[in-house]
Protein backbone atom coordinates (compact mmCIF):
# COMPACT_ATOMS: atom_id res chain seq x y z
CA MET A 1 89.76 108.09 110.73
CA GLY A 2 89.02 109.86 107.51
CA TYR A 3 91.38 110.84 104.73
CA LEU A 4 90.01 114.23 104.96
CA LEU A 5 90.24 116.69 107.98
CA PRO A 6 87.21 118.69 108.47
CA THR A 7 89.61 121.89 108.00
CA GLU A 8 90.05 120.38 104.39
CA TYR A 9 86.41 119.82 103.32
CA VAL A 10 86.12 123.34 101.61
CA GLN A 11 89.47 122.96 100.22
CA TYR A 12 88.43 119.86 98.28
CA GLY A 13 85.15 120.73 97.18
CA LEU A 14 82.71 119.75 100.00
CA THR A 15 80.58 122.02 102.32
CA SER A 16 81.89 122.87 105.68
CA GLU A 17 78.60 121.07 106.81
CA THR A 18 79.67 117.75 105.29
CA PRO A 19 79.05 115.11 107.79
CA ASP A 20 82.13 113.15 109.33
CA ASP A 21 80.54 110.05 109.06
CA LEU A 22 80.26 110.40 105.08
CA VAL A 23 84.05 110.98 104.75
CA ALA A 24 84.67 108.01 107.33
CA MET A 25 82.35 105.69 104.63
CA ALA A 26 84.41 107.20 101.95
CA SER A 27 87.65 106.32 103.63
CA ALA A 28 86.65 102.93 104.30
CA MET A 29 85.50 102.29 100.73
CA ILE A 30 88.93 103.24 99.91
CA ASP A 31 90.57 100.94 101.99
CA ALA A 32 88.28 98.32 100.79
CA HIS A 33 88.94 98.91 97.15
CA CYS A 34 92.79 98.94 97.73
CA ARG A 35 92.60 95.75 99.64
CA ARG A 36 94.37 97.07 102.81
CA PRO A 37 93.35 98.03 106.38
CA SER A 38 94.76 101.46 105.89
CA LEU A 39 96.77 103.63 103.26
CA LEU A 40 98.76 104.87 106.28
CA GLU A 41 102.05 103.01 107.50
CA THR A 42 100.87 99.52 108.74
CA GLN A 43 102.76 96.40 109.33
CA TYR A 44 102.11 93.26 107.11
CA THR A 45 103.17 89.67 107.10
CA GLU A 46 103.09 87.67 104.10
CA ARG A 47 104.23 84.14 103.35
CA ILE A 48 105.33 83.66 99.67
CA ARG A 49 106.48 80.97 97.71
CA ILE A 50 109.64 81.55 95.75
CA THR A 51 109.99 80.43 92.01
CA SER A 52 112.45 77.94 91.25
CA GLY A 53 115.57 79.30 90.17
CA SER A 54 114.81 82.85 91.39
CA GLU A 55 115.90 84.33 94.60
CA THR A 56 113.50 87.34 94.38
CA VAL A 57 109.96 88.12 95.59
CA ARG A 58 107.72 90.91 95.18
CA LEU A 59 105.68 92.08 98.29
CA SER A 60 101.83 93.17 97.85
CA TYR A 61 101.71 96.26 99.65
CA ARG A 62 103.51 99.69 98.58
CA PRO A 63 104.92 102.20 99.01
CA LEU A 64 107.63 100.57 101.49
CA ALA A 65 108.81 102.50 104.43
CA PRO A 66 112.20 103.78 104.38
CA SER A 67 113.45 100.69 106.32
CA PRO A 68 110.68 98.17 105.88
CA LEU A 69 111.83 94.82 107.06
CA VAL A 70 111.06 93.95 110.51
CA GLU A 71 111.47 90.12 110.56
CA VAL A 72 112.47 87.62 107.63
CA LYS A 73 112.20 83.88 107.96
CA THR A 74 113.11 81.51 105.14
CA ARG A 75 113.26 77.98 104.54
CA TYR A 76 114.45 75.24 102.17
CA GLY A 77 111.66 72.93 101.59
CA ARG A 78 111.67 69.70 99.22
CA PRO A 79 111.91 70.69 95.66
CA ARG A 80 108.44 70.50 93.93
CA ARG A 81 107.64 68.65 90.99
CA GLY A 82 109.31 69.56 87.90
CA GLU A 83 112.19 71.54 89.61
CA ASN A 84 115.68 70.78 88.64
CA LEU A 85 117.41 68.93 91.38
CA ASP A 86 121.09 68.82 92.47
CA ILE A 87 121.11 65.27 94.06
CA PHE A 88 124.07 65.79 96.04
CA ARG A 89 123.10 69.14 97.59
CA GLU A 90 119.83 67.49 98.10
CA GLN A 91 121.37 64.59 100.27
CA VAL A 92 123.56 66.89 102.19
CA ALA A 93 120.28 69.01 103.33
CA LEU A 94 118.56 65.86 104.15
CA ALA A 95 121.21 64.66 106.33
CA PHE A 96 121.41 68.15 108.21
CA SER A 97 117.47 68.17 108.29
CA ILE A 98 117.43 71.49 106.44
CA PRO A 99 114.25 70.78 104.73
CA GLY A 100 111.16 72.34 106.08
CA SER A 101 112.85 74.26 109.09
CA TRP A 102 112.77 77.99 109.05
CA SER A 103 115.72 80.15 109.45
CA THR A 104 115.46 83.84 110.90
CA LEU A 105 117.61 85.99 108.06
CA ASP A 106 119.40 89.11 108.94
CA PRO A 107 117.48 92.01 106.97
CA ALA A 108 120.77 93.66 106.31
CA SER A 109 121.68 90.73 104.26
CA ILE A 110 118.52 91.10 101.86
CA ASP A 111 118.72 93.53 99.01
CA VAL A 112 115.57 95.64 99.02
CA ASN A 113 114.29 97.47 95.90
CA LEU A 114 112.05 100.12 97.70
CA GLY A 115 110.44 101.55 94.31
CA ALA A 116 109.61 97.73 93.16
CA ALA A 117 108.93 96.34 96.59
CA GLU A 118 111.18 93.47 95.66
CA LEU A 119 113.50 91.47 97.83
CA THR A 120 116.54 89.40 96.69
CA PHE A 121 117.63 86.71 99.18
CA PRO A 122 120.98 85.18 99.49
CA GLN A 123 121.68 81.53 99.22
CA ASN A 124 122.00 79.35 102.23
CA LEU A 125 125.31 77.92 103.55
CA LEU A 126 125.06 74.91 101.22
CA GLY A 127 124.46 77.23 98.25
CA LEU A 128 120.68 76.03 98.19
CA CYS A 129 118.19 78.73 97.14
CA TYR A 130 115.22 79.02 99.46
CA ASN A 131 111.80 78.23 98.11
CA GLU A 132 109.75 79.87 100.54
CA VAL A 133 109.71 83.05 102.61
CA GLU A 134 107.76 84.73 105.51
CA VAL A 135 108.40 88.42 105.69
CA THR A 136 107.00 90.94 108.15
CA TYR A 137 107.39 94.48 106.99
CA THR A 138 105.91 98.15 107.16
CA ALA A 139 104.31 99.71 104.06
CA GLY A 140 101.98 102.47 103.51
CA LEU A 141 102.01 106.50 103.60
CA ASP A 142 103.21 108.64 106.32
CA THR A 143 101.11 111.31 104.95
CA ILE A 144 97.90 111.16 102.78
CA PRO A 145 98.66 112.63 99.34
CA PRO A 146 96.20 114.93 97.39
CA ALA A 147 95.15 112.02 94.92
CA VAL A 148 93.69 110.14 97.84
CA LYS A 149 91.91 113.33 99.31
CA ILE A 150 90.56 114.11 96.03
CA ALA A 151 89.21 110.54 95.63
CA CYS A 152 87.72 110.82 99.00
CA ALA A 153 85.94 114.00 98.33
CA LEU A 154 84.58 112.55 95.13
CA ILE A 155 83.19 109.57 96.59
CA VAL A 156 81.33 111.93 99.10
CA ARG A 157 80.25 113.93 96.72
CA ASN A 158 78.73 111.18 94.56
CA ALA A 159 76.85 110.05 97.68
CA GLN A 160 75.32 113.41 98.36
CA ALA A 161 74.30 113.69 94.82
CA THR A 162 72.18 110.73 94.62
CA PRO A 163 71.82 109.11 98.21
CA ALA A 164 69.93 106.25 97.19
CA MET A 165 71.91 105.68 93.63
CA ASN A 166 73.72 102.72 95.28
CA VAL A 167 70.55 100.94 96.35
CA LYS A 168 69.77 98.09 93.71
CA SER A 169 66.57 96.61 95.32
CA SER A 170 64.89 96.84 98.74
CA ARG A 171 62.26 94.91 100.55
CA VAL A 172 60.59 96.33 103.47
CA ASP A 173 58.83 93.01 104.89
CA THR A 174 62.43 91.39 105.23
CA LEU A 175 64.31 94.65 105.95
CA GLN A 176 66.69 93.95 103.32
CA MET A 177 68.73 96.00 100.66
CA GLU A 178 70.94 95.22 97.76
CA TYR A 179 73.56 97.55 96.72
CA PHE A 180 75.76 98.03 93.78
CA SER A 181 79.02 98.03 95.18
CA ASP A 182 81.33 100.07 92.92
CA SER A 183 78.47 102.85 92.08
CA LEU A 184 80.26 105.55 94.02
CA LEU A 185 83.74 104.55 93.04
CA ASP A 186 83.63 105.87 89.40
CA ASP A 187 86.35 105.79 86.78
CA GLN A 188 87.98 109.07 88.01
CA VAL A 189 88.21 107.71 91.42
CA LEU A 190 89.71 104.37 90.36
CA VAL A 191 92.34 106.28 88.31
CA LEU A 192 93.46 108.07 91.34
CA LEU A 193 93.50 105.16 93.62
CA ARG A 194 95.24 102.73 91.21
CA PRO A 195 98.79 103.22 92.54
CA TYR A 196 97.74 102.23 96.15
CA VAL A 197 95.91 98.85 95.27
CA ALA A 198 97.64 95.94 96.81
CA GLU A 199 99.07 93.36 94.23
CA ARG A 200 99.00 89.82 94.04
CA LEU A 201 95.88 89.39 96.40
CA GLY A 202 92.47 88.51 95.35
């Protein structure tokens, strides 16, 4: 699905005869640049290590949906090298076989900062902080904003202006073509898409 509807082509500076395939290509390039399957609301699952002494993690995809958390699993693993140990709590945790086992947390017990896409976790019953979390959550846009539509139209116009501008080299005998990957994504497009690029990935 393209981020521009055919009825919006003229409004965003394209001709009404613009092929839908070009808009679909531009939308796919936007998704690839933002490192996500779609800018629309999508469900993601991330496994994140929690920094020692911290109870907060930041999710990779924004913006979060109003009620983003679907499922949250946490575990208290064996302390990593260099982490401060509470020997008594460590021995109690070992006695109850806590290290390595996953627990499902009630999403209502987790503090969610929607703007920063941060989650703050409570300590477990022994007062130990979790050190790994697996979060299934919903993030993305419910409607495509004008900035993304403009970026999509700019990519299409760049492709239409010089159709062969993205070709670096080609060979007919082996049916091979090499492309400059970012030729259609100019600086203006990158600025428009900056708020939607996934964090911490790649």
